[in-house]
């Protein structure tokens, strides 16, 4: 696996976008203030912010309120083949969802949690 970036899941996307782009002055390489996802270059890595409610919906989580879902960040790993990695890990981790294409993102993804509840995404480019 190759760690590609860290994604912060935020409740106030526009405020966070302005913080990372204007206050910290990180160059935005994907998204903008009017969307719900942005990615910034920070040194040799990427930092992403994503509206938490949208990420929960994309993962198929149906929780009554955001307060019940306390995770705030995700680790994103690129793998050679999401389906193969899913099969290799399926007996070791509890996947949140099965591998699926996110054509709007240009990737195939699956998600699982570590023992502390931190969300991990594995993906490969379509």
C-alpha atoms as a PDB file:
ATOM      1  CA  UNK A   1       0.000   0.000   0.000  1.00  0.00           C
ATOM      2  CA  UNK A   2       1.072   3.554  -0.705  1.00  0.00           C
ATOM      3  CA  UNK A   3      -0.199   6.329   1.596  1.00  0.00           C
ATOM      4  CA  UNK A   4      -1.402   9.044  -0.767  1.00  0.00           C
ATOM      5  CA  UNK A   5      -2.970  11.592   1.582  1.00  0.00           C
ATOM      6  CA  UNK A   6      -4.891  12.294   4.750  1.00  0.00           C
ATOM      7  CA  UNK A   7      -8.527  13.368   4.523  1.00  0.00           C
ATOM      8  CA  UNK A   8     -10.113  15.448   7.273  1.00  0.00           C
ATOM      9  CA  UNK A   9     -13.877  15.059   7.541  1.00  0.00           C
ATOM     10  CA  UNK A  10     -15.361  18.411   8.443  1.00  0.00           C
ATOM     11  CA  UNK A  11     -18.742  19.768   9.453  1.00  0.00           C
ATOM     12  CA  UNK A  12     -18.072  23.319   8.208  1.00  0.00           C
ATOM     13  CA  UNK A  13     -16.465  22.812   4.806  1.00  0.00           C
ATOM     14  CA  UNK A  14     -16.310  26.450   3.656  1.00  0.00           C
ATOM     15  CA  UNK A  15     -14.715  27.663   6.895  1.00  0.00           C
ATOM     16  CA  UNK A  16     -12.117  24.881   6.718  1.00  0.00           C
ATOM     17  CA  UNK A  17     -11.448  25.539   3.044  1.00  0.00           C
ATOM     18  CA  UNK A  18     -10.710  29.191   3.788  1.00  0.00           C
ATOM     19  CA  UNK A  19      -8.508  28.218   6.736  1.00  0.00           C
ATOM     20  CA  UNK A  20      -6.283  25.873   4.709  1.00  0.00           C
ATOM     21  CA  UNK A  21      -6.223  27.997   1.543  1.00  0.00           C
ATOM     22  CA  UNK A  22      -6.124  31.530   2.968  1.00  0.00           C
ATOM     23  CA  UNK A  23      -4.716  31.295   6.501  1.00  0.00           C
ATOM     24  CA  UNK A  24      -2.208  28.476   5.978  1.00  0.00           C
ATOM     25  CA  UNK A  25      -1.891  29.293   2.250  1.00  0.00           C
ATOM     26  CA  UNK A  26      -1.733  25.684   1.046  1.00  0.00           C
ATOM     27  CA  UNK A  27      -2.152  25.486  -2.743  1.00  0.00           C
ATOM     28  CA  UNK A  28      -5.458  23.870  -3.663  1.00  0.00           C
ATOM     29  CA  UNK A  29      -4.967  21.220  -6.372  1.00  0.00           C
ATOM     30  CA  UNK A  30      -8.541  19.878  -6.480  1.00  0.00           C
ATOM     31  CA  UNK A  31     -11.912  21.406  -5.594  1.00  0.00           C
ATOM     32  CA  UNK A  32     -12.822  24.888  -4.433  1.00  0.00           C
ATOM     33  CA  UNK A  33     -14.705  26.791  -1.729  1.00  0.00           C
ATOM     34  CA  UNK A  34     -18.101  26.084  -3.322  1.00  0.00           C
ATOM     35  CA  UNK A  35     -17.715  22.302  -3.509  1.00  0.00           C
ATOM     36  CA  UNK A  36     -17.652  19.779  -0.663  1.00  0.00           C
ATOM     37  CA  UNK A  37     -14.155  18.366  -1.311  1.00  0.00           C
ATOM     38  CA  UNK A  38     -10.746  19.968  -1.726  1.00  0.00           C
ATOM     39  CA  UNK A  39      -7.190  18.718  -1.812  1.00  0.00           C
ATOM     40  CA  UNK A  40      -4.137  20.794  -0.892  1.00  0.00           C
ATOM     41  CA  UNK A  41      -0.442  20.243  -1.487  1.00  0.00           C
ATOM     42  CA  UNK A  42       1.467  20.298   1.799  1.00  0.00           C
ATOM     43  CA  UNK A  43       5.145  19.673   1.212  1.00  0.00           C
ATOM     44  CA  UNK A  44       5.466  16.302  -0.487  1.00  0.00           C
ATOM     45  CA  UNK A  45       2.009  15.002   0.483  1.00  0.00           C
ATOM     46  CA  UNK A  46      -1.641  15.894   0.100  1.00  0.00           C
ATOM     47  CA  UNK A  47      -4.169  17.023   2.697  1.00  0.00           C
ATOM     48  CA  UNK A  48      -7.835  16.756   1.770  1.00  0.00           C
ATOM     49  CA  UNK A  49     -10.957  18.113   3.415  1.00  0.00           C
ATOM     50  CA  UNK A  50     -14.368  16.634   2.756  1.00  0.00           C
ATOM     51  CA  UNK A  51     -17.794  17.448   4.077  1.00  0.00           C
ATOM     52  CA  UNK A  52     -18.438  14.775   6.708  1.00  0.00           C
ATOM     53  CA  UNK A  53     -22.121  14.242   5.873  1.00  0.00           C
ATOM     54  CA  UNK A  54     -21.274  13.572   2.210  1.00  0.00           C
ATOM     55  CA  UNK A  55     -18.547  11.080   3.163  1.00  0.00           C
ATOM     56  CA  UNK A  56     -20.948   9.230   5.465  1.00  0.00           C
ATOM     57  CA  UNK A  57     -23.490   9.020   2.645  1.00  0.00           C
ATOM     58  CA  UNK A  58     -20.827   7.842   0.185  1.00  0.00           C
ATOM     59  CA  UNK A  59     -19.808   5.070   2.589  1.00  0.00           C
ATOM     60  CA  UNK A  60     -23.419   4.011   3.072  1.00  0.00           C
ATOM     61  CA  UNK A  61     -23.457   4.969   6.746  1.00  0.00           C
ATOM     62  CA  UNK A  62     -26.990   5.762   7.898  1.00  0.00           C
ATOM     63  CA  UNK A  63     -26.538   7.297  11.308  1.00  0.00           C
ATOM     64  CA  UNK A  64     -29.215   9.487  12.875  1.00  0.00           C
ATOM     65  CA  UNK A  65     -26.797  12.342  13.598  1.00  0.00           C
ATOM     66  CA  UNK A  66     -23.235  13.419  12.911  1.00  0.00           C
ATOM     67  CA  UNK A  67     -22.515  13.511  16.641  1.00  0.00           C
ATOM     68  CA  UNK A  68     -22.864   9.726  16.828  1.00  0.00           C
ATOM     69  CA  UNK A  69     -20.079   9.281  14.291  1.00  0.00           C
ATOM     70  CA  UNK A  70     -16.951  10.648  15.925  1.00  0.00           C
ATOM     71  CA  UNK A  71     -14.279   9.952  13.323  1.00  0.00           C
ATOM     72  CA  UNK A  72     -12.676  13.095  11.924  1.00  0.00           C
ATOM     73  CA  UNK A  73     -10.025  11.826   9.559  1.00  0.00           C
ATOM     74  CA  UNK A  74      -9.262   9.118   7.046  1.00  0.00           C
ATOM     75  CA  UNK A  75      -6.094   7.518   5.804  1.00  0.00           C
ATOM     76  CA  UNK A  76      -6.097   6.970   2.066  1.00  0.00           C
ATOM     77  CA  UNK A  77      -4.015   4.148   0.580  1.00  0.00           C
ATOM     78  CA  UNK A  78      -3.504   3.460  -3.106  1.00  0.00           C
ATOM     79  CA  UNK A  79      -3.339  -0.257  -3.885  1.00  0.00           C
ATOM     80  CA  UNK A  80      -2.690  -2.147  -7.114  1.00  0.00           C
ATOM     81  CA  UNK A  81      -6.145  -3.760  -7.113  1.00  0.00           C
ATOM     82  CA  UNK A  82      -8.946  -2.852  -4.691  1.00  0.00           C
ATOM     83  CA  UNK A  83     -10.837  -6.106  -5.253  1.00  0.00           C
ATOM     84  CA  UNK A  84      -7.780  -8.261  -4.616  1.00  0.00           C
ATOM     85  CA  UNK A  85      -6.831  -6.282  -1.497  1.00  0.00           C
ATOM     86  CA  UNK A  86     -10.432  -6.483  -0.291  1.00  0.00           C
ATOM     87  CA  UNK A  87     -10.356 -10.279  -0.641  1.00  0.00           C
ATOM     88  CA  UNK A  88      -6.986 -10.484   1.166  1.00  0.00           C
ATOM     89  CA  UNK A  89      -8.173  -8.326   4.087  1.00  0.00           C
ATOM     90  CA  UNK A  90     -11.803  -9.391   4.353  1.00  0.00           C
ATOM     91  CA  UNK A  91     -11.148 -12.030   7.032  1.00  0.00           C
ATOM     92  CA  UNK A  92      -8.968  -9.611   9.024  1.00  0.00           C
ATOM     93  CA  UNK A  93     -10.961  -6.344   9.057  1.00  0.00           C
ATOM     94  CA  UNK A  94     -14.602  -5.347   9.061  1.00  0.00           C
ATOM     95  CA  UNK A  95     -15.273  -3.539   5.804  1.00  0.00           C
ATOM     96  CA  UNK A  96     -17.831  -0.733   5.845  1.00  0.00           C
ATOM     97  CA  UNK A  97     -18.628  -1.288   2.181  1.00  0.00           C
ATOM     98  CA  UNK A  98     -17.688  -3.521  -0.722  1.00  0.00           C
ATOM     99  CA  UNK A  99     -15.417  -2.340  -3.535  1.00  0.00           C
ATOM    100  CA  UNK A 100     -17.256   0.053  -5.825  1.00  0.00           C
ATOM    101  CA  UNK A 101     -16.452   2.546  -8.563  1.00  0.00           C
ATOM    102  CA  UNK A 102     -16.600   6.272  -7.892  1.00  0.00           C
ATOM    103  CA  UNK A 103     -16.495   7.418 -11.498  1.00  0.00           C
ATOM    104  CA  UNK A 104     -16.895  11.055 -10.419  1.00  0.00           C
ATOM    105  CA  UNK A 105     -13.680  10.658  -8.410  1.00  0.00           C
ATOM    106  CA  UNK A 106     -11.969   8.463 -11.031  1.00  0.00           C
ATOM    107  CA  UNK A 107     -11.253   5.665  -8.547  1.00  0.00           C
ATOM    108  CA  UNK A 108     -12.455   2.292  -7.284  1.00  0.00           C
ATOM    109  CA  UNK A 109     -12.726   2.279  -3.465  1.00  0.00           C
ATOM    110  CA  UNK A 110     -13.559   0.306  -0.340  1.00  0.00           C
ATOM    111  CA  UNK A 111     -13.539   1.424   3.305  1.00  0.00           C
ATOM    112  CA  UNK A 112     -12.835  -0.191   6.657  1.00  0.00           C
ATOM    113  CA  UNK A 113     -11.979   0.932  10.203  1.00  0.00           C
ATOM    114  CA  UNK A 114      -8.982   0.284  12.404  1.00  0.00           C
ATOM    115  CA  UNK A 115      -9.483  -0.920  16.021  1.00  0.00           C
ATOM    116  CA  UNK A 116      -9.911   2.689  17.212  1.00  0.00           C
ATOM    117  CA  UNK A 117     -12.585   3.452  14.620  1.00  0.00           C
ATOM    118  CA  UNK A 118     -10.411   5.494  12.238  1.00  0.00           C
ATOM    119  CA  UNK A 119     -11.599   5.072   8.668  1.00  0.00           C
ATOM    120  CA  UNK A 120      -9.195   3.730   6.054  1.00  0.00           C
ATOM    121  CA  UNK A 121      -9.839   3.935   2.327  1.00  0.00           C
ATOM    122  CA  UNK A 122      -8.137   1.743  -0.238  1.00  0.00           C
ATOM    123  CA  UNK A 123      -8.381   2.825  -3.864  1.00  0.00           C
ATOM    124  CA  UNK A 124      -6.963   2.501  -7.335  1.00  0.00           C
ATOM    125  CA  UNK A 125      -7.429   4.672 -10.396  1.00  0.00           C
ATOM    126  CA  UNK A 126     -10.070   3.629 -12.906  1.00  0.00           C
END
